[in-house]
Amino acid sequence: MSDEIAVVGAGRMGEGIALTCLAAGFPVVLADVKDRADEERREYADRLRARLGSGVTVCGREPGALAGASVVFEAVPEVLEIKRDVLAWVCREVAADAVIASTTSTFLVTEIAGLVERPERAVNAHWLNPADVMPLVEVSRSDETDPAAVSRLTGLLERLGKIPVVCGPAAGYIVPRLQALVMNEAARMVEEGVASAADIDLAVRAGLGPRFSVLGPLEFIDWGGGDILYYASRYLAAQLGDRFRHPDVIEENMAAGRRGLRDGTGFYTFDPDGVPAYRAARMREFAELFRLREPELRAGTPVPARSPSGRESHSGGGPSPVHDRDHQPEDEHGRDGRQ
């Protein structure tokens, strides 16, 4: 099987994946499958080649264009009928053992598998935007997915310099599910007048974000003790509602004496002989992170606010709440109309 990679969908996500592959030395076929007039397609292909360099082959739906691909990343808009049409074409074009990975953030891998001949080779590969910068790729597999397909895909991602994680067919993968909770709660705090948008964001940038970039949330539970989360959750649920109620596993760990580091077990199992070195290593990570970030956090970087005249202002106050709400960024797949 060749090392050629096909990226189907030549929008922002497709370009980012192609850039990643090219930087790692892999030949890439980038298929622009959007309906375009011939002249528009030629001009768009020329722009893609100019941005990506000579290592990419840009094509449309020409027969045989994907014949050499061992892995296909589908990156078309989040519209089921578009995916159905494009994946049917991909299945006709690629080898029978090619892995087909959808970059969807909307559809479960079980839904994508239903659009693919030989569903055992269907996987979701959720690249975080910008795809060529963010190291994480979430790989979602179904019960039908061949473990060998998952292994081939994660192995390829590692060769591309990415950090793959594997999850089941659950809505929101890992990162979008966690970040949706945080973003909604942050917006709720603004709505309730708890703090300003700027202070909430600074609290995350200077506290919550760095903390969870060194210790993952489950590791942090074990680090501080599951009992802390248990009692904090009970208080917050009483004050703020059931969305803060702890899951059953927290109570089960409490009852079984699995509170984390001090018990030797929690979500992780800890070798007592290795704990001092582990603690020291994590503290070094914290120190290095804040050595790099703290000067910038203290100096502050104003968010550009739009003045009444329509011109951007950088005077330092940050955006007004109205302008905050009016800003509508593209999502990870560029759903502003681009693929």
C-alpha atoms as a PDB file:
ATOM      1  CA  MET A   1       0.000   0.000   0.000  1.00  0.00           C
ATOM      2  CA  SER A   2       1.399   3.394  -0.980  1.00  0.00           C
ATOM      3  CA  ASP A   3       1.908   6.269   1.429  1.00  0.00           C
ATOM      4  CA  GLU A   4      -0.168   8.612  -0.720  1.00  0.00           C
ATOM      5  CA  ILE A   5      -2.827  10.522   1.187  1.00  0.00           C
ATOM      6  CA  ALA A   6      -5.989  11.907  -0.367  1.00  0.00           C
ATOM      7  CA  VAL A   7      -7.814  14.887   1.109  1.00  0.00           C
ATOM      8  CA  VAL A   8     -11.307  15.300  -0.305  1.00  0.00           C
ATOM      9  CA  GLY A   9     -12.618  18.815   0.207  1.00  0.00           C
ATOM     10  CA  ALA A  10     -10.370  21.761  -0.585  1.00  0.00           C
ATOM     11  CA  GLY A  11     -11.593  24.310   1.943  1.00  0.00           C
ATOM     12  CA  ARG A  12      -9.853  25.551   5.070  1.00  0.00           C
ATOM     13  CA  MET A  13      -9.817  22.182   6.855  1.00  0.00           C
ATOM     14  CA  GLY A  14      -8.706  20.320   3.729  1.00  0.00           C
ATOM     15  CA  GLU A  15      -5.892  22.801   3.133  1.00  0.00           C
ATOM     16  CA  GLY A  16      -4.703  22.493   6.729  1.00  0.00           C
ATOM     17  CA  ILE A  17      -4.596  18.693   6.514  1.00  0.00           C
ATOM     18  CA  ALA A  18      -2.801  18.852   3.174  1.00  0.00           C
ATOM     19  CA  LEU A  19      -0.223  21.261   4.623  1.00  0.00           C
ATOM     20  CA  THR A  20       0.393  18.869   7.517  1.00  0.00           C
ATOM     21  CA  CYS A  21       0.917  15.911   5.202  1.00  0.00           C
ATOM     22  CA  LEU A  22       3.193  17.828   2.840  1.00  0.00           C
ATOM     23  CA  ALA A  23       5.312  19.114   5.734  1.00  0.00           C
ATOM     24  CA  ALA A  24       5.830  15.506   6.848  1.00  0.00           C
ATOM     25  CA  GLY A  25       6.968  14.495   3.363  1.00  0.00           C
ATOM     26  CA  PHE A  26       3.858  12.628   2.210  1.00  0.00           C
ATOM     27  CA  PRO A  27       2.510  12.949  -1.336  1.00  0.00           C
ATOM     28  CA  VAL A  28      -0.975  14.450  -1.251  1.00  0.00           C
ATOM     29  CA  VAL A  29      -3.902  14.453  -3.647  1.00  0.00           C
ATOM     30  CA  LEU A  30      -6.265  17.306  -2.808  1.00  0.00           C
ATOM     31  CA  ALA A  31      -9.663  16.868  -4.430  1.00  0.00           C
ATOM     32  CA  ASP A  32     -11.771  19.973  -4.942  1.00  0.00           C
ATOM     33  CA  VAL A  33     -15.240  18.440  -5.179  1.00  0.00           C
ATOM     34  CA  LYS A  34     -17.298  21.610  -4.975  1.00  0.00           C
ATOM     35  CA  ASP A  35     -19.438  22.355  -8.028  1.00  0.00           C
ATOM     36  CA  ARG A  36     -17.563  24.981 -10.063  1.00  0.00           C
ATOM     37  CA  ALA A  37     -17.424  26.175 -13.630  1.00  0.00           C
ATOM     38  CA  ASP A  38     -14.321  24.945 -15.496  1.00  0.00           C
ATOM     39  CA  GLU A  39     -12.563  28.308 -15.459  1.00  0.00           C
ATOM     40  CA  GLU A  40     -13.316  28.868 -11.773  1.00  0.00           C
ATOM     41  CA  ARG A  41     -12.006  25.373 -10.965  1.00  0.00           C
ATOM     42  CA  ARG A  42      -8.745  26.014 -12.822  1.00  0.00           C
ATOM     43  CA  GLU A  43      -8.240  29.343 -11.051  1.00  0.00           C
ATOM     44  CA  TYR A  44      -9.007  27.805  -7.663  1.00  0.00           C
ATOM     45  CA  ALA A  45      -6.600  24.932  -8.313  1.00  0.00           C
ATOM     46  CA  ASP A  46      -3.868  27.396  -9.283  1.00  0.00           C
ATOM     47  CA  ARG A  47      -4.381  29.298  -6.029  1.00  0.00           C
ATOM     48  CA  LEU A  48      -4.185  26.058  -4.038  1.00  0.00           C
ATOM     49  CA  ARG A  49      -0.931  25.037  -5.728  1.00  0.00           C
ATOM     50  CA  ALA A  50       0.525  28.492  -5.072  1.00  0.00           C
ATOM     51  CA  ARG A  51      -0.326  28.240  -1.362  1.00  0.00           C
ATOM     52  CA  LEU A  52       0.628  24.593  -0.839  1.00  0.00           C
ATOM     53  CA  GLY A  53       3.605  24.153  -3.157  1.00  0.00           C
ATOM     54  CA  SER A  54       4.579  21.644  -5.785  1.00  0.00           C
ATOM     55  CA  GLY A  55       4.143  18.539  -3.616  1.00  0.00           C
ATOM     56  CA  VAL A  56       0.363  18.560  -3.957  1.00  0.00           C
ATOM     57  CA  THR A  57      -1.742  17.214  -6.800  1.00  0.00           C
ATOM     58  CA  VAL A  58      -4.988  19.157  -7.123  1.00  0.00           C
ATOM     59  CA  CYS A  59      -7.851  17.403  -8.872  1.00  0.00           C
ATOM     60  CA  GLY A  60     -11.593  17.317  -9.212  1.00  0.00           C
ATOM     61  CA  ARG A  61     -13.522  14.079  -9.581  1.00  0.00           C
ATOM     62  CA  GLU A  62     -11.393  12.702 -12.391  1.00  0.00           C
ATOM     63  CA  PRO A  63     -11.518   8.882 -12.661  1.00  0.00           C
ATOM     64  CA  GLY A  64      -8.464   7.318 -11.037  1.00  0.00           C
ATOM     65  CA  ALA A  65      -7.513  10.456  -9.077  1.00  0.00           C
ATOM     66  CA  LEU A  66      -7.625   8.633  -5.725  1.00  0.00           C
ATOM     67  CA  ALA A  67      -6.388   5.236  -6.906  1.00  0.00           C
ATOM     68  CA  GLY A  68      -3.049   5.451  -5.070  1.00  0.00           C
ATOM     69  CA  ALA A  69      -4.404   6.643  -1.704  1.00  0.00           C
ATOM     70  CA  SER A  70      -4.004   4.424   1.345  1.00  0.00           C
ATOM     71  CA  VAL A  71      -5.867   6.893   3.582  1.00  0.00           C
ATOM     72  CA  VAL A  72      -8.584   9.358   2.581  1.00  0.00           C
ATOM     73  CA  PHE A  73      -9.547  12.318   4.761  1.00  0.00           C
ATOM     74  CA  GLU A  74     -13.029  13.550   3.852  1.00  0.00           C
ATOM     75  CA  ALA A  75     -13.377  17.258   4.673  1.00  0.00           C
ATOM     76  CA  VAL A  76     -16.509  18.461   2.909  1.00  0.00           C
ATOM     77  CA  PRO A  77     -19.262  20.609   4.492  1.00  0.00           C
ATOM     78  CA  GLU A  78     -21.356  19.231   7.334  1.00  0.00           C
ATOM     79  CA  VAL A  79     -24.341  18.382   5.156  1.00  0.00           C
ATOM     80  CA  LEU A  80     -25.324  14.717   5.134  1.00  0.00           C
ATOM     81  CA  GLU A  81     -26.342  14.626   1.475  1.00  0.00           C
ATOM     82  CA  ILE A  82     -23.032  16.179   0.406  1.00  0.00           C
ATOM     83  CA  LYS A  83     -21.145  13.615   2.453  1.00  0.00           C
ATOM     84  CA  ARG A  84     -23.286  10.797   1.076  1.00  0.00           C
ATOM     85  CA  ASP A  85     -22.536  11.847  -2.503  1.00  0.00           C
ATOM     86  CA  VAL A  86     -18.814  12.434  -1.955  1.00  0.00           C
ATOM     87  CA  LEU A  87     -18.230   9.248   0.053  1.00  0.00           C
ATOM     88  CA  ALA A  88     -20.008   7.176  -2.592  1.00  0.00           C
ATOM     89  CA  TRP A  89     -17.555   8.602  -5.156  1.00  0.00           C
ATOM     90  CA  VAL A  90     -14.600   7.955  -2.836  1.00  0.00           C
ATOM     91  CA  CYS A  91     -15.645   4.322  -2.343  1.00  0.00           C
ATOM     92  CA  ARG A  92     -15.773   3.809  -6.097  1.00  0.00           C
ATOM     93  CA  GLU A  93     -12.312   5.293  -6.560  1.00  0.00           C
ATOM     94  CA  VAL A  94     -10.107   3.980  -3.753  1.00  0.00           C
ATOM     95  CA  ALA A  95      -8.643   0.570  -3.073  1.00  0.00           C
ATOM     96  CA  ALA A  96     -10.756  -1.858  -1.067  1.00  0.00           C
ATOM     97  CA  ASP A  97      -8.403  -1.668   1.936  1.00  0.00           C
ATOM     98  CA  ALA A  98      -8.013   2.129   2.005  1.00  0.00           C
ATOM     99  CA  VAL A  99      -8.982   3.738   5.312  1.00  0.00           C
ATOM    100  CA  ILE A 100     -11.723   6.358   4.921  1.00  0.00           C
ATOM    101  CA  ALA A 101     -11.663   8.977   7.672  1.00  0.00           C
ATOM    102  CA  SER A 102     -14.274  11.716   7.916  1.00  0.00           C
ATOM    103  CA  THR A 103     -13.234  14.938   9.637  1.00  0.00           C
ATOM    104  CA  THR A 104     -16.830  15.630  10.667  1.00  0.00           C
ATOM    105  CA  SER A 105     -17.539  17.291  13.988  1.00  0.00           C
ATOM    106  CA  THR A 106     -21.297  16.760  13.572  1.00  0.00           C
ATOM    107  CA  PHE A 107     -22.039  13.173  12.543  1.00  0.00           C
ATOM    108  CA  LEU A 108     -21.246  10.075  14.578  1.00  0.00           C
ATOM    109  CA  VAL A 109     -18.910   7.518  13.051  1.00  0.00           C
ATOM    110  CA  THR A 110     -21.846   5.088  13.057  1.00  0.00           C
ATOM    111  CA  GLU A 111     -23.652   7.456  10.670  1.00  0.00           C
ATOM    112  CA  ILE A 112     -20.581   7.882   8.471  1.00  0.00           C
ATOM    113  CA  ALA A 113     -20.051   4.117   8.361  1.00  0.00           C
ATOM    114  CA  GLY A 114     -23.512   3.790   6.852  1.00  0.00           C
ATOM    115  CA  LEU A 115     -22.342   5.877   3.891  1.00  0.00           C
ATOM    116  CA  VAL A 116     -19.235   3.774   3.226  1.00  0.00           C
ATOM    117  CA  GLU A 117     -18.885   0.469   1.426  1.00  0.00           C
ATOM    118  CA  ARG A 118     -17.095  -1.912   3.791  1.00  0.00           C
ATOM    119  CA  PRO A 119     -17.918   0.095   6.954  1.00  0.00           C
ATOM    120  CA  GLU A 120     -15.130  -1.668   8.857  1.00  0.00           C
ATOM    121  CA  ARG A 121     -12.700   0.819   7.265  1.00  0.00           C
ATOM    122  CA  ALA A 122     -14.720   3.923   8.253  1.00  0.00           C
ATOM    123  CA  VAL A 123     -13.316   6.105  11.032  1.00  0.00           C
ATOM    124  CA  ASN A 124     -13.859   9.695  12.118  1.00  0.00           C
ATOM    125  CA  ALA A 125     -10.730  11.831  12.446  1.00  0.00           C
ATOM    126  CA  HIS A 126     -11.592  15.126  14.111  1.00  0.00           C
ATOM    127  CA  TRP A 127      -8.787  17.611  13.465  1.00  0.00           C
ATOM    128  CA  LEU A 128      -8.866  20.725  15.622  1.00  0.00           C
ATOM    129  CA  ASN A 129      -8.615  23.945  13.644  1.00  0.00           C
ATOM    130  CA  PRO A 130      -6.136  25.191  12.482  1.00  0.00           C
ATOM    131  CA  ALA A 131      -5.352  21.656  11.376  1.00  0.00           C
ATOM    132  CA  ASP A 132      -1.721  22.325  10.480  1.00  0.00           C
ATOM    133  CA  VAL A 133      -1.002  23.875  13.917  1.00  0.00           C
ATOM    134  CA  MET A 134      -3.030  21.993  16.539  1.00  0.00           C
ATOM    135  CA  PRO A 135      -1.344  18.698  17.503  1.00  0.00           C
ATOM    136  CA  LEU A 136      -4.449  16.801  18.624  1.00  0.00           C
ATOM    137  CA  VAL A 137      -6.592  14.618  16.345  1.00  0.00           C
ATOM    138  CA  GLU A 138      -9.560  12.775  17.893  1.00  0.00           C
ATOM    139  CA  VAL A 139     -10.115   9.368  16.286  1.00  0.00           C
ATOM    140  CA  SER A 140     -13.603   7.936  16.765  1.00  0.00           C
ATOM    141  CA  ARG A 141     -14.334   4.307  15.945  1.00  0.00           C
ATOM    142  CA  SER A 142     -17.529   2.258  15.989  1.00  0.00           C
ATOM    143  CA  ASP A 143     -18.067  -1.363  16.965  1.00  0.00           C
ATOM    144  CA  GLU A 144     -17.845  -2.190  13.261  1.00  0.00           C
ATOM    145  CA  THR A 145     -14.492  -0.492  12.760  1.00  0.00           C
ATOM    146  CA  ASP A 146     -11.619  -2.877  12.163  1.00  0.00           C
ATOM    147  CA  PRO A 147      -8.995  -2.316  14.909  1.00  0.00           C
ATOM    148  CA  ALA A 148      -6.367  -2.543  12.159  1.00  0.00           C
ATOM    149  CA  ALA A 149      -7.908   0.513  10.478  1.00  0.00           C
ATOM    150  CA  VAL A 150      -7.692   2.457  13.740  1.00  0.00           C
ATOM    151  CA  SER A 151      -4.094   1.331  14.213  1.00  0.00           C
ATOM    152  CA  ARG A 152      -3.140   2.338  10.656  1.00  0.00           C
ATOM    153  CA  LEU A 153      -4.760   5.746  11.048  1.00  0.00           C
ATOM    154  CA  THR A 154      -3.256   6.545  14.456  1.00  0.00           C
ATOM    155  CA  GLY A 155       0.131   5.346  13.215  1.00  0.00           C
ATOM    156  CA  LEU A 156      -0.116   7.661  10.218  1.00  0.00           C
ATOM    157  CA  LEU A 157      -1.160  10.591  12.404  1.00  0.00           C
ATOM    158  CA  GLU A 158       1.865  10.042  14.622  1.00  0.00           C
ATOM    159  CA  ARG A 159       4.096  10.033  11.531  1.00  0.00           C
ATOM    160  CA  LEU A 160       2.468  13.341  10.577  1.00  0.00           C
ATOM    161  CA  GLY A 161       3.561  14.750  13.941  1.00  0.00           C
ATOM    162  CA  LYS A 162       0.072  14.660  15.447  1.00  0.00           C
ATOM    163  CA  ILE A 163      -1.103  13.339  18.821  1.00  0.00           C
ATOM    164  CA  PRO A 164      -4.056  10.992  18.264  1.00  0.00           C
ATOM    165  CA  VAL A 165      -6.550   9.980  20.948  1.00  0.00           C
ATOM    166  CA  VAL A 166      -9.212   7.314  20.431  1.00  0.00           C
ATOM    167  CA  CYS A 167     -12.830   7.504  21.568  1.00  0.00           C
ATOM    168  CA  GLY A 168     -16.087   5.688  20.906  1.00  0.00           C
ATOM    169  CA  PRO A 169     -19.052   6.870  18.827  1.00  0.00           C
ATOM    170  CA  ALA A 170     -20.242   9.583  21.224  1.00  0.00           C
ATOM    171  CA  ALA A 171     -21.553  13.026  20.341  1.00  0.00           C
ATOM    172  CA  GLY A 172     -18.959  15.750  20.836  1.00  0.00           C
ATOM    173  CA  TYR A 173     -15.889  13.508  20.865  1.00  0.00           C
ATOM    174  CA  ILE A 174     -13.724  14.585  23.846  1.00  0.00           C
ATOM    175  CA  VAL A 175     -12.648  18.192  23.327  1.00  0.00           C
ATOM    176  CA  PRO A 176     -15.870  19.682  21.867  1.00  0.00           C
ATOM    177  CA  ARG A 177     -17.913  18.053  24.628  1.00  0.00           C
ATOM    178  CA  LEU A 178     -15.696  19.474  27.366  1.00  0.00           C
ATOM    179  CA  GLN A 179     -15.294  22.890  25.804  1.00  0.00           C
ATOM    180  CA  ALA A 180     -19.052  23.282  25.196  1.00  0.00           C
ATOM    181  CA  LEU A 181     -19.646  22.938  28.954  1.00  0.00           C
ATOM    182  CA  VAL A 182     -16.943  25.492  29.784  1.00  0.00           C
ATOM    183  CA  MET A 183     -18.048  27.992  27.133  1.00  0.00           C
ATOM    184  CA  ASN A 184     -21.723  27.769  28.100  1.00  0.00           C
ATOM    185  CA  GLU A 185     -20.914  28.228  31.780  1.00  0.00           C
ATOM    186  CA  ALA A 186     -18.681  31.222  30.971  1.00  0.00           C
ATOM    187  CA  ALA A 187     -21.504  32.799  28.945  1.00  0.00           C
ATOM    188  CA  ARG A 188     -23.940  32.048  31.778  1.00  0.00           C
ATOM    189  CA  MET A 189     -21.662  33.883  34.242  1.00  0.00           C
ATOM    190  CA  VAL A 190     -21.691  36.965  31.992  1.00  0.00           C
ATOM    191  CA  GLU A 191     -25.476  36.695  31.726  1.00  0.00           C
ATOM    192  CA  GLU A 192     -25.800  36.481  35.516  1.00  0.00           C
ATOM    193  CA  GLY A 193     -23.408  39.382  36.121  1.00  0.00           C
ATOM    194  CA  VAL A 194     -20.896  37.232  38.003  1.00  0.00           C
ATOM    195  CA  ALA A 195     -17.924  38.876  36.269  1.00  0.00           C
ATOM    196  CA  SER A 196     -17.005  40.674  33.064  1.00  0.00           C
ATOM    197  CA  ALA A 197     -16.148  38.772  29.907  1.00  0.00           C
ATOM    198  CA  ALA A 198     -12.579  40.066  30.181  1.00  0.00           C
ATOM    199  CA  ASP A 199     -12.127  38.878  33.769  1.00  0.00           C
ATOM    200  CA  ILE A 200     -13.641  35.454  33.035  1.00  0.00           C
ATOM    201  CA  ASP A 201     -11.350  35.010  30.055  1.00  0.00           C
ATOM    202  CA  LEU A 202      -8.304  36.143  32.033  1.00  0.00           C
ATOM    203  CA  ALA A 203      -9.197  33.714  34.831  1.00  0.00           C
ATOM    204  CA  VAL A 204      -9.182  30.884  32.296  1.00  0.00           C
ATOM    205  CA  ARG A 205      -5.999  32.036  30.544  1.00  0.00           C
ATOM    206  CA  ALA A 206      -4.122  32.535  33.834  1.00  0.00           C
ATOM    207  CA  GLY A 207      -5.638  29.703  35.879  1.00  0.00           C
ATOM    208  CA  LEU A 208      -7.933  27.059  34.484  1.00  0.00           C
ATOM    209  CA  GLY A 209      -6.282  26.774  31.067  1.00  0.00           C
ATOM    210  CA  PRO A 210      -2.667  26.364  32.267  1.00  0.00           C
ATOM    211  CA  ARG A 211      -3.769  24.020  35.052  1.00  0.00           C
ATOM    212  CA  PHE A 212      -5.514  21.663  32.637  1.00  0.00           C
ATOM    213  CA  SER A 213      -2.733  21.903  30.066  1.00  0.00           C
ATOM    214  CA  VAL A 214      -0.372  20.310  32.605  1.00  0.00           C
ATOM    215  CA  LEU A 215      -2.815  18.071  34.483  1.00  0.00           C
ATOM    216  CA  GLY A 216      -5.749  16.642  32.545  1.00  0.00           C
ATOM    217  CA  PRO A 217      -9.078  16.968  34.381  1.00  0.00           C
ATOM    218  CA  LEU A 218      -9.154  13.352  35.589  1.00  0.00           C
ATOM    219  CA  GLU A 219      -5.500  13.500  36.583  1.00  0.00           C
ATOM    220  CA  PHE A 220      -6.286  16.722  38.459  1.00  0.00           C
ATOM    221  CA  ILE A 221      -9.075  14.976  40.389  1.00  0.00           C
ATOM    222  CA  ASP A 222      -6.565  12.356  41.542  1.00  0.00           C
ATOM    223  CA  TRP A 223      -3.897  15.008  42.227  1.00  0.00           C
ATOM    224  CA  GLY A 224      -6.088  17.022  44.592  1.00  0.00           C
ATOM    225  CA  GLY A 225      -8.326  14.196  45.791  1.00  0.00           C
ATOM    226  CA  GLY A 226     -11.689  12.984  44.537  1.00  0.00           C
ATOM    227  CA  ASP A 227     -13.248  13.960  47.861  1.00  0.00           C
ATOM    228  CA  ILE A 228     -12.638  17.643  47.052  1.00  0.00           C
ATOM    229  CA  LEU A 229     -14.671  17.332  43.861  1.00  0.00           C
ATOM    230  CA  TYR A 230     -17.306  15.276  45.665  1.00  0.00           C
ATOM    231  CA  TYR A 231     -18.009  17.929  48.314  1.00  0.00           C
ATOM    232  CA  ALA A 232     -17.560  20.881  45.936  1.00  0.00           C
ATOM    233  CA  SER A 233     -20.054  19.334  43.502  1.00  0.00           C
ATOM    234  CA  ARG A 234     -22.644  18.840  46.237  1.00  0.00           C
ATOM    235  CA  TYR A 235     -22.334  22.487  47.298  1.00  0.00           C
ATOM    236  CA  LEU A 236     -22.429  23.852  43.752  1.00  0.00           C
ATOM    237  CA  ALA A 237     -25.387  21.650  42.797  1.00  0.00           C
ATOM    238  CA  ALA A 238     -27.319  22.976  45.801  1.00  0.00           C
ATOM    239  CA  GLN A 239     -26.471  26.572  44.884  1.00  0.00           C
ATOM    240  CA  LEU A 240     -26.494  26.492  41.074  1.00  0.00           C
ATOM    241  CA  GLY A 241     -28.458  23.457  39.957  1.00  0.00           C
ATOM    242  CA  ASP A 242     -28.176  19.854  38.876  1.00  0.00           C
ATOM    243  CA  ARG A 243     -25.721  20.578  36.079  1.00  0.00           C
ATOM    244  CA  PHE A 244     -23.061  20.562  38.818  1.00  0.00           C
ATOM    245  CA  ARG A 245     -24.091  17.217  40.294  1.00  0.00           C
ATOM    246  CA  HIS A 246     -21.182  14.764  40.249  1.00  0.00           C
ATOM    247  CA  PRO A 247     -21.463  11.552  38.192  1.00  0.00           C
ATOM    248  CA  ASP A 248     -21.882   8.234  39.951  1.00  0.00           C
ATOM    249  CA  VAL A 249     -18.246   7.252  39.433  1.00  0.00           C
ATOM    250  CA  ILE A 250     -17.118  10.019  41.819  1.00  0.00           C
ATOM    251  CA  GLU A 251     -19.312   8.660  44.610  1.00  0.00           C
ATOM    252  CA  GLU A 252     -18.238   5.085  43.823  1.00  0.00           C
ATOM    253  CA  ASN A 253     -14.567   6.079  44.084  1.00  0.00           C
ATOM    254  CA  MET A 254     -15.245   7.805  47.399  1.00  0.00           C
ATOM    255  CA  ALA A 255     -16.991   4.748  48.835  1.00  0.00           C
ATOM    256  CA  ALA A 256     -14.189   2.448  47.691  1.00  0.00           C
ATOM    257  CA  GLY A 257     -11.375   4.637  49.041  1.00  0.00           C
ATOM    258  CA  ARG A 258     -10.106   5.512  45.559  1.00  0.00           C
ATOM    259  CA  ARG A 259      -9.546   9.214  46.086  1.00  0.00           C
ATOM    260  CA  GLY A 260      -6.383   9.512  44.037  1.00  0.00           C
ATOM    261  CA  LEU A 261      -2.739  10.086  44.902  1.00  0.00           C
ATOM    262  CA  ARG A 262      -3.011   9.762  48.659  1.00  0.00           C
ATOM    263  CA  ASP A 263      -4.881   6.451  48.363  1.00  0.00           C
ATOM    264  CA  GLY A 264      -2.621   5.198  45.591  1.00  0.00           C
ATOM    265  CA  THR A 265      -5.564   4.787  43.210  1.00  0.00           C
ATOM    266  CA  GLY A 266      -8.364   6.807  41.647  1.00  0.00           C
ATOM    267  CA  PHE A 267      -8.829   7.186  37.919  1.00  0.00           C
ATOM    268  CA  TYR A 268      -5.157   6.179  37.776  1.00  0.00           C
ATOM    269  CA  THR A 269      -3.100   3.725  39.831  1.00  0.00           C
ATOM    270  CA  PHE A 270       0.039   5.231  41.354  1.00  0.00           C
ATOM    271  CA  ASP A 271       3.284   3.470  42.210  1.00  0.00           C
ATOM    272  CA  PRO A 272       4.290   4.984  45.582  1.00  0.00           C
ATOM    273  CA  ASP A 273       7.972   4.808  44.663  1.00  0.00           C
ATOM    274  CA  GLY A 274       7.352   6.901  41.545  1.00  0.00           C
ATOM    275  CA  VAL A 275       5.088   9.562  43.069  1.00  0.00           C
ATOM    276  CA  PRO A 276       7.836  12.000  44.221  1.00  0.00           C
ATOM    277  CA  ALA A 277       9.419  12.096  40.744  1.00  0.00           C
ATOM    278  CA  TYR A 278       5.966  12.417  39.148  1.00  0.00           C
ATOM    279  CA  ARG A 279       5.046  15.361  41.373  1.00  0.00           C
ATOM    280  CA  ALA A 280       8.370  17.061  40.675  1.00  0.00           C
ATOM    281  CA  ALA A 281       7.982  16.611  36.917  1.00  0.00           C
ATOM    282  CA  ARG A 282       4.502  18.128  36.889  1.00  0.00           C
ATOM    283  CA  MET A 283       5.654  21.067  39.021  1.00  0.00           C
ATOM    284  CA  ARG A 284       8.495  21.707  36.569  1.00  0.00           C
ATOM    285  CA  GLU A 285       5.925  21.810  33.770  1.00  0.00           C
ATOM    286  CA  PHE A 286       3.909  24.389  35.691  1.00  0.00           C
ATOM    287  CA  ALA A 287       7.009  26.503  36.357  1.00  0.00           C
ATOM    288  CA  GLU A 288       8.105  26.407  32.710  1.00  0.00           C
ATOM    289  CA  LEU A 289       4.638  27.201  31.426  1.00  0.00           C
ATOM    290  CA  PHE A 290       4.255  30.243  33.638  1.00  0.00           C
ATOM    291  CA  ARG A 291       7.789  31.407  32.912  1.00  0.00           C
ATOM    292  CA  LEU A 292       6.728  31.649  29.276  1.00  0.00           C
ATOM    293  CA  ARG A 293       3.173  32.893  29.740  1.00  0.00           C
ATOM    294  CA  GLU A 294       3.080  35.080  32.838  1.00  0.00           C
ATOM    295  CA  PRO A 295       4.682  38.236  31.354  1.00  0.00           C
ATOM    296  CA  GLU A 296       2.161  38.225  28.512  1.00  0.00           C
ATOM    297  CA  LEU A 297      -0.744  37.580  30.862  1.00  0.00           C
ATOM    298  CA  ARG A 298       0.277  40.458  33.107  1.00  0.00           C
ATOM    299  CA  ALA A 299       0.774  42.834  30.199  1.00  0.00           C
ATOM    300  CA  GLY A 300      -2.573  41.936  28.673  1.00  0.00           C
ATOM    301  CA  THR A 301      -3.480  41.901  25.007  1.00  0.00           C
ATOM    302  CA  PRO A 302      -6.598  43.975  24.303  1.00  0.00           C
ATOM    303  CA  VAL A 303      -9.224  42.352  22.123  1.00  0.00           C
ATOM    304  CA  PRO A 304      -9.891  44.724  19.215  1.00  0.00           C
ATOM    305  CA  ALA A 305     -13.272  46.387  19.678  1.00  0.00           C
ATOM    306  CA  ARG A 306     -15.288  47.968  16.883  1.00  0.00           C
ATOM    307  CA  SER A 307     -15.941  51.646  17.459  1.00  0.00           C
ATOM    308  CA  PRO A 308     -19.299  53.253  16.572  1.00  0.00           C
ATOM    309  CA  SER A 309     -17.742  54.464  13.315  1.00  0.00           C
ATOM    310  CA  GLY A 310     -17.053  50.871  12.303  1.00  0.00           C
ATOM    311  CA  ARG A 311     -13.277  51.177  12.703  1.00  0.00           C
ATOM    312  CA  GLU A 312     -11.417  48.836  14.983  1.00  0.00           C
ATOM    313  CA  SER A 313     -10.156  50.332  18.220  1.00  0.00           C
ATOM    314  CA  HIS A 314      -7.145  49.030  20.153  1.00  0.00           C
ATOM    315  CA  SER A 315      -7.362  51.481  23.028  1.00  0.00           C
ATOM    316  CA  GLY A 316      -7.185  48.723  25.614  1.00  0.00           C
ATOM    317  CA  GLY A 317     -10.675  48.344  26.984  1.00  0.00           C
ATOM    318  CA  GLY A 318     -11.601  45.221  25.066  1.00  0.00           C
ATOM    319  CA  PRO A 319     -14.862  44.679  23.219  1.00  0.00           C
ATOM    320  CA  SER A 320     -18.213  45.876  24.441  1.00  0.00           C
ATOM    321  CA  PRO A 321     -20.710  43.136  25.347  1.00  0.00           C
ATOM    322  CA  VAL A 322     -22.791  43.967  22.257  1.00  0.00           C
ATOM    323  CA  HIS A 323     -19.822  43.580  19.941  1.00  0.00           C
ATOM    324  CA  ASP A 324     -18.818  40.384  21.730  1.00  0.00           C
ATOM    325  CA  ARG A 325     -22.211  38.887  20.913  1.00  0.00           C
ATOM    326  CA  ASP A 326     -22.192  40.145  17.342  1.00  0.00           C
ATOM    327  CA  HIS A 327     -18.895  38.467  16.484  1.00  0.00           C
ATOM    328  CA  GLN A 328     -19.588  35.199  14.700  1.00  0.00           C
ATOM    329  CA  PRO A 329     -16.366  33.292  13.905  1.00  0.00           C
ATOM    330  CA  GLU A 330     -16.259  30.433  11.475  1.00  0.00           C
ATOM    331  CA  ASP A 331     -16.407  26.990  12.962  1.00  0.00           C
ATOM    332  CA  GLU A 332     -13.722  24.348  12.549  1.00  0.00           C
ATOM    333  CA  HIS A 333     -14.902  23.354   9.098  1.00  0.00           C
ATOM    334  CA  GLY A 334     -15.213  26.899   7.736  1.00  0.00           C
ATOM    335  CA  ARG A 335     -18.997  26.798   7.518  1.00  0.00           C
ATOM    336  CA  ASP A 336     -19.085  30.303   6.093  1.00  0.00           C
ATOM    337  CA  GLY A 337     -19.764  28.706   2.726  1.00  0.00           C
ATOM    338  CA  ARG A 338     -16.277  27.353   2.068  1.00  0.00           C
ATOM    339  CA  GLN A 339     -15.497  23.653   2.122  1.00  0.00           C
END
